Amino acid sequence: MKVEQISIFIENKSGRLAEITRILGDAEINIRALSLADTSDFGILRLIVNDCAKANSVLKEKGFTVSKTEVVAVEVPDRPGGLSAILKTLDREEINVEYMYAFVERCGGNAVIIFRFDETDKAIAALTAQHFNILEGSRLYNM
């Protein structure tokens, strides 16, 4: 139920993001979801891709600092209050959300929220107990 995410440390300068997307595109790696956090000097690009191992390899070959992290993808109805219900469950169980980002599925009326938790297994158990749909990595990579 955990999803592999790669995180890439990048300098905050023009063209670096374009370079990463070009490298991945040339390697026929499809980006399924992304998040970019930055400061004045650097950024961390977090990606869910269809082939994490290959993306990790090609980016490292080009000199990028890359790490893998496990995150959780939760499907939620794309309507007001959908996220609130998830966060209420996590709050009740005292589970911390380190970061999150979301996207809307191509088909259907659901959103997918990517979470990084301080206690991943506890979060999965709590969300599953409340009947939230946790997506398998294989489904997310092929959306």
C-alpha atoms as a PDB file:
ATOM      1  CA  MET A   1       0.000   0.000   0.000  1.00  0.00           C
ATOM      2  CA  LYS A   2       3.014   2.260   0.053  1.00  0.00           C
ATOM      3  CA  VAL A   3       4.063   4.159  -3.054  1.00  0.00           C
ATOM      4  CA  GLU A   4       7.635   4.934  -4.080  1.00  0.00           C
ATOM      5  CA  GLN A   5       8.418   8.592  -4.596  1.00  0.00           C
ATOM      6  CA  ILE A   6      11.697  10.090  -5.717  1.00  0.00           C
ATOM      7  CA  SER A   7      12.976  13.370  -4.353  1.00  0.00           C
ATOM      8  CA  ILE A   8      15.488  15.392  -6.342  1.00  0.00           C
ATOM      9  CA  PHE A   9      17.587  18.174  -4.858  1.00  0.00           C
ATOM     10  CA  ILE A  10      17.892  20.968  -7.425  1.00  0.00           C
ATOM     11  CA  GLU A  11      19.480  24.379  -7.548  1.00  0.00           C
ATOM     12  CA  ASN A  12      16.952  27.169  -7.747  1.00  0.00           C
ATOM     13  CA  LYS A  13      18.048  28.513 -11.125  1.00  0.00           C
ATOM     14  CA  SER A  14      16.523  28.803 -14.535  1.00  0.00           C
ATOM     15  CA  GLY A  15      16.449  25.639 -16.619  1.00  0.00           C
ATOM     16  CA  ARG A  16      17.065  23.003 -13.922  1.00  0.00           C
ATOM     17  CA  LEU A  17      13.446  21.826 -13.794  1.00  0.00           C
ATOM     18  CA  ALA A  18      13.307  21.727 -17.594  1.00  0.00           C
ATOM     19  CA  GLU A  19      16.503  19.653 -17.618  1.00  0.00           C
ATOM     20  CA  ILE A  20      15.021  17.072 -15.230  1.00  0.00           C
ATOM     21  CA  THR A  21      11.815  16.733 -17.232  1.00  0.00           C
ATOM     22  CA  ARG A  22      13.841  16.397 -20.455  1.00  0.00           C
ATOM     23  CA  ILE A  23      16.009  13.651 -18.955  1.00  0.00           C
ATOM     24  CA  LEU A  24      12.945  11.756 -17.758  1.00  0.00           C
ATOM     25  CA  GLY A  25      11.144  12.231 -21.077  1.00  0.00           C
ATOM     26  CA  ASP A  26      14.153  11.019 -23.054  1.00  0.00           C
ATOM     27  CA  ALA A  27      14.192   7.903 -20.840  1.00  0.00           C
ATOM     28  CA  GLU A  28      10.456   7.404 -21.498  1.00  0.00           C
ATOM     29  CA  ILE A  29       9.585   7.911 -17.840  1.00  0.00           C
ATOM     30  CA  ASN A  30       6.121   9.304 -17.242  1.00  0.00           C
ATOM     31  CA  ILE A  31       5.497  11.694 -14.339  1.00  0.00           C
ATOM     32  CA  ARG A  32       2.247  10.784 -12.564  1.00  0.00           C
ATOM     33  CA  ALA A  33       2.328  13.451  -9.810  1.00  0.00           C
ATOM     34  CA  LEU A  34       4.741  16.091  -8.586  1.00  0.00           C
ATOM     35  CA  SER A  35       5.402  18.658  -5.925  1.00  0.00           C
ATOM     36  CA  LEU A  36       8.067  21.351  -5.858  1.00  0.00           C
ATOM     37  CA  ALA A  37       9.159  23.114  -2.674  1.00  0.00           C
ATOM     38  CA  ASP A  38      11.805  25.776  -2.856  1.00  0.00           C
ATOM     39  CA  THR A  39      13.888  28.304  -0.979  1.00  0.00           C
ATOM     40  CA  SER A  40      15.908  31.102  -2.490  1.00  0.00           C
ATOM     41  CA  ASP A  41      18.854  28.753  -3.171  1.00  0.00           C
ATOM     42  CA  PHE A  42      17.501  25.249  -3.803  1.00  0.00           C
ATOM     43  CA  GLY A  43      14.401  23.163  -4.268  1.00  0.00           C
ATOM     44  CA  ILE A  44      13.168  19.662  -3.636  1.00  0.00           C
ATOM     45  CA  LEU A  45      11.219  18.143  -6.493  1.00  0.00           C
ATOM     46  CA  ARG A  46       9.097  15.190  -5.400  1.00  0.00           C
ATOM     47  CA  LEU A  47       7.856  12.879  -8.147  1.00  0.00           C
ATOM     48  CA  ILE A  48       5.686   9.823  -8.554  1.00  0.00           C
ATOM     49  CA  VAL A  49       6.772   8.206 -11.820  1.00  0.00           C
ATOM     50  CA  ASN A  50       5.912   5.037 -13.707  1.00  0.00           C
ATOM     51  CA  ASP A  51       9.429   3.591 -13.213  1.00  0.00           C
ATOM     52  CA  CYS A  52      11.064   4.787 -10.006  1.00  0.00           C
ATOM     53  CA  ALA A  53      14.226   2.676 -10.301  1.00  0.00           C
ATOM     54  CA  LYS A  54      14.935   3.845 -13.856  1.00  0.00           C
ATOM     55  CA  ALA A  55      14.241   7.504 -12.964  1.00  0.00           C
ATOM     56  CA  ASN A  56      16.567   7.247  -9.982  1.00  0.00           C
ATOM     57  CA  SER A  57      19.294   5.758 -12.161  1.00  0.00           C
ATOM     58  CA  VAL A  58      19.117   8.190 -15.100  1.00  0.00           C
ATOM     59  CA  LEU A  59      18.990  11.248 -12.846  1.00  0.00           C
ATOM     60  CA  LYS A  60      21.959  10.090 -10.765  1.00  0.00           C
ATOM     61  CA  GLU A  61      23.894   9.448 -13.989  1.00  0.00           C
ATOM     62  CA  LYS A  62      23.323  13.121 -14.861  1.00  0.00           C
ATOM     63  CA  GLY A  63      24.671  14.267 -11.493  1.00  0.00           C
ATOM     64  CA  PHE A  64      21.464  14.909  -9.579  1.00  0.00           C
ATOM     65  CA  THR A  65      21.090  14.020  -5.913  1.00  0.00           C
ATOM     66  CA  VAL A  66      18.110  11.651  -5.749  1.00  0.00           C
ATOM     67  CA  SER A  67      16.519   9.740  -2.891  1.00  0.00           C
ATOM     68  CA  LYS A  68      13.565   7.380  -2.613  1.00  0.00           C
ATOM     69  CA  THR A  69      10.800   7.793  -0.055  1.00  0.00           C
ATOM     70  CA  GLU A  70       7.680   5.822   0.730  1.00  0.00           C
ATOM     71  CA  VAL A  71       4.438   7.769   0.645  1.00  0.00           C
ATOM     72  CA  VAL A  72       0.765   6.831   0.749  1.00  0.00           C
ATOM     73  CA  ALA A  73      -1.782   7.593  -1.995  1.00  0.00           C
ATOM     74  CA  VAL A  74      -5.334   8.002  -0.733  1.00  0.00           C
ATOM     75  CA  GLU A  75      -8.313   8.259  -3.064  1.00  0.00           C
ATOM     76  CA  VAL A  76     -10.997  10.678  -1.908  1.00  0.00           C
ATOM     77  CA  PRO A  77     -14.182  11.966  -3.529  1.00  0.00           C
ATOM     78  CA  ASP A  78     -13.443  15.294  -5.219  1.00  0.00           C
ATOM     79  CA  ARG A  79     -15.993  17.336  -3.297  1.00  0.00           C
ATOM     80  CA  PRO A  80     -16.021  19.794  -0.407  1.00  0.00           C
ATOM     81  CA  GLY A  81     -15.040  18.077   2.843  1.00  0.00           C
ATOM     82  CA  GLY A  82     -13.243  15.117   1.249  1.00  0.00           C
ATOM     83  CA  LEU A  83      -9.821  16.111   2.587  1.00  0.00           C
ATOM     84  CA  SER A  84     -11.277  17.175   5.918  1.00  0.00           C
ATOM     85  CA  ALA A  85     -12.585  13.664   6.590  1.00  0.00           C
ATOM     86  CA  ILE A  86      -9.115  12.187   6.055  1.00  0.00           C
ATOM     87  CA  LEU A  87      -7.410  14.780   8.238  1.00  0.00           C
ATOM     88  CA  LYS A  88     -10.002  14.294  10.988  1.00  0.00           C
ATOM     89  CA  THR A  89      -9.176  10.572  11.078  1.00  0.00           C
ATOM     90  CA  LEU A  90      -5.439  11.295  11.237  1.00  0.00           C
ATOM     91  CA  ASP A  91      -5.907  13.915  13.953  1.00  0.00           C
ATOM     92  CA  ARG A  92      -7.975  11.543  16.079  1.00  0.00           C
ATOM     93  CA  GLU A  93      -5.119   8.994  15.875  1.00  0.00           C
ATOM     94  CA  GLU A  94      -2.474  11.704  16.511  1.00  0.00           C
ATOM     95  CA  ILE A  95      -0.699  11.022  13.222  1.00  0.00           C
ATOM     96  CA  ASN A  96       1.386  13.855  11.826  1.00  0.00           C
ATOM     97  CA  VAL A  97       1.283  14.781   8.142  1.00  0.00           C
ATOM     98  CA  GLU A  98       4.811  15.788   7.148  1.00  0.00           C
ATOM     99  CA  TYR A  99       3.682  16.961   3.704  1.00  0.00           C
ATOM    100  CA  MET A 100       1.069  16.245   1.073  1.00  0.00           C
ATOM    101  CA  TYR A 101       0.069  17.071  -2.482  1.00  0.00           C
ATOM    102  CA  ALA A 102      -2.881  16.124  -4.643  1.00  0.00           C
ATOM    103  CA  PHE A 103      -4.147  15.616  -8.169  1.00  0.00           C
ATOM    104  CA  VAL A 104      -7.479  14.830  -9.786  1.00  0.00           C
ATOM    105  CA  GLU A 105      -7.819  11.530 -11.624  1.00  0.00           C
ATOM    106  CA  ARG A 106      -8.336  11.682 -15.380  1.00  0.00           C
ATOM    107  CA  CYS A 107     -11.516   9.615 -15.201  1.00  0.00           C
ATOM    108  CA  GLY A 108     -14.092   9.643 -12.471  1.00  0.00           C
ATOM    109  CA  GLY A 109     -14.846  12.108  -9.762  1.00  0.00           C
ATOM    110  CA  ASN A 110     -12.032  11.340  -7.349  1.00  0.00           C
ATOM    111  CA  ALA A 111      -8.896  13.095  -6.241  1.00  0.00           C
ATOM    112  CA  VAL A 112      -5.730  11.330  -5.150  1.00  0.00           C
ATOM    113  CA  ILE A 113      -3.801  12.797  -2.249  1.00  0.00           C
ATOM    114  CA  ILE A 114      -0.183  11.820  -1.694  1.00  0.00           C
ATOM    115  CA  PHE A 115       0.818  11.864   1.981  1.00  0.00           C
ATOM    116  CA  ARG A 116       4.086  11.547   3.844  1.00  0.00           C
ATOM    117  CA  PHE A 117       3.397  10.610   7.474  1.00  0.00           C
ATOM    118  CA  ASP A 118       5.536  10.393  10.584  1.00  0.00           C
ATOM    119  CA  GLU A 119       3.989   6.949  11.255  1.00  0.00           C
ATOM    120  CA  THR A 120       3.146   5.459   7.864  1.00  0.00           C
ATOM    121  CA  ASP A 121       1.920   2.029   8.958  1.00  0.00           C
ATOM    122  CA  LYS A 122      -0.267   3.525  11.704  1.00  0.00           C
ATOM    123  CA  ALA A 123      -1.735   5.982   9.174  1.00  0.00           C
ATOM    124  CA  ILE A 124      -2.536   3.210   6.692  1.00  0.00           C
ATOM    125  CA  ALA A 125      -4.262   1.189   9.415  1.00  0.00           C
ATOM    126  CA  ALA A 126      -6.304   4.173  10.616  1.00  0.00           C
ATOM    127  CA  LEU A 127      -7.404   5.196   7.122  1.00  0.00           C
ATOM    128  CA  THR A 128      -8.215   1.633   6.089  1.00  0.00           C
ATOM    129  CA  ALA A 129     -10.308   1.163   9.239  1.00  0.00           C
ATOM    130  CA  GLN A 130     -12.367   4.198   8.185  1.00  0.00           C
ATOM    131  CA  HIS A 131     -12.807   2.716   4.676  1.00  0.00           C
ATOM    132  CA  PHE A 132     -10.633   5.215   2.821  1.00  0.00           C
ATOM    133  CA  ASN A 133      -9.254   3.732  -0.391  1.00  0.00           C
ATOM    134  CA  ILE A 134      -5.460   3.419  -0.246  1.00  0.00           C
ATOM    135  CA  LEU A 135      -4.057   3.000  -3.757  1.00  0.00           C
ATOM    136  CA  GLU A 136      -1.468   0.413  -4.631  1.00  0.00           C
ATOM    137  CA  GLY A 137       1.632   1.808  -6.285  1.00  0.00           C
ATOM    138  CA  SER A 138       1.024  -0.212  -9.445  1.00  0.00           C
ATOM    139  CA  ARG A 139      -2.349   1.484  -9.966  1.00  0.00           C
ATOM    140  CA  LEU A 140      -0.956   4.962  -9.358  1.00  0.00           C
ATOM    141  CA  TYR A 141       2.071   4.466 -11.623  1.00  0.00           C
ATOM    142  CA  ASN A 142      -0.230   3.482 -14.502  1.00  0.00           C
ATOM    143  CA  MET A 143      -2.938   6.155 -14.177  1.00  0.00           C
END
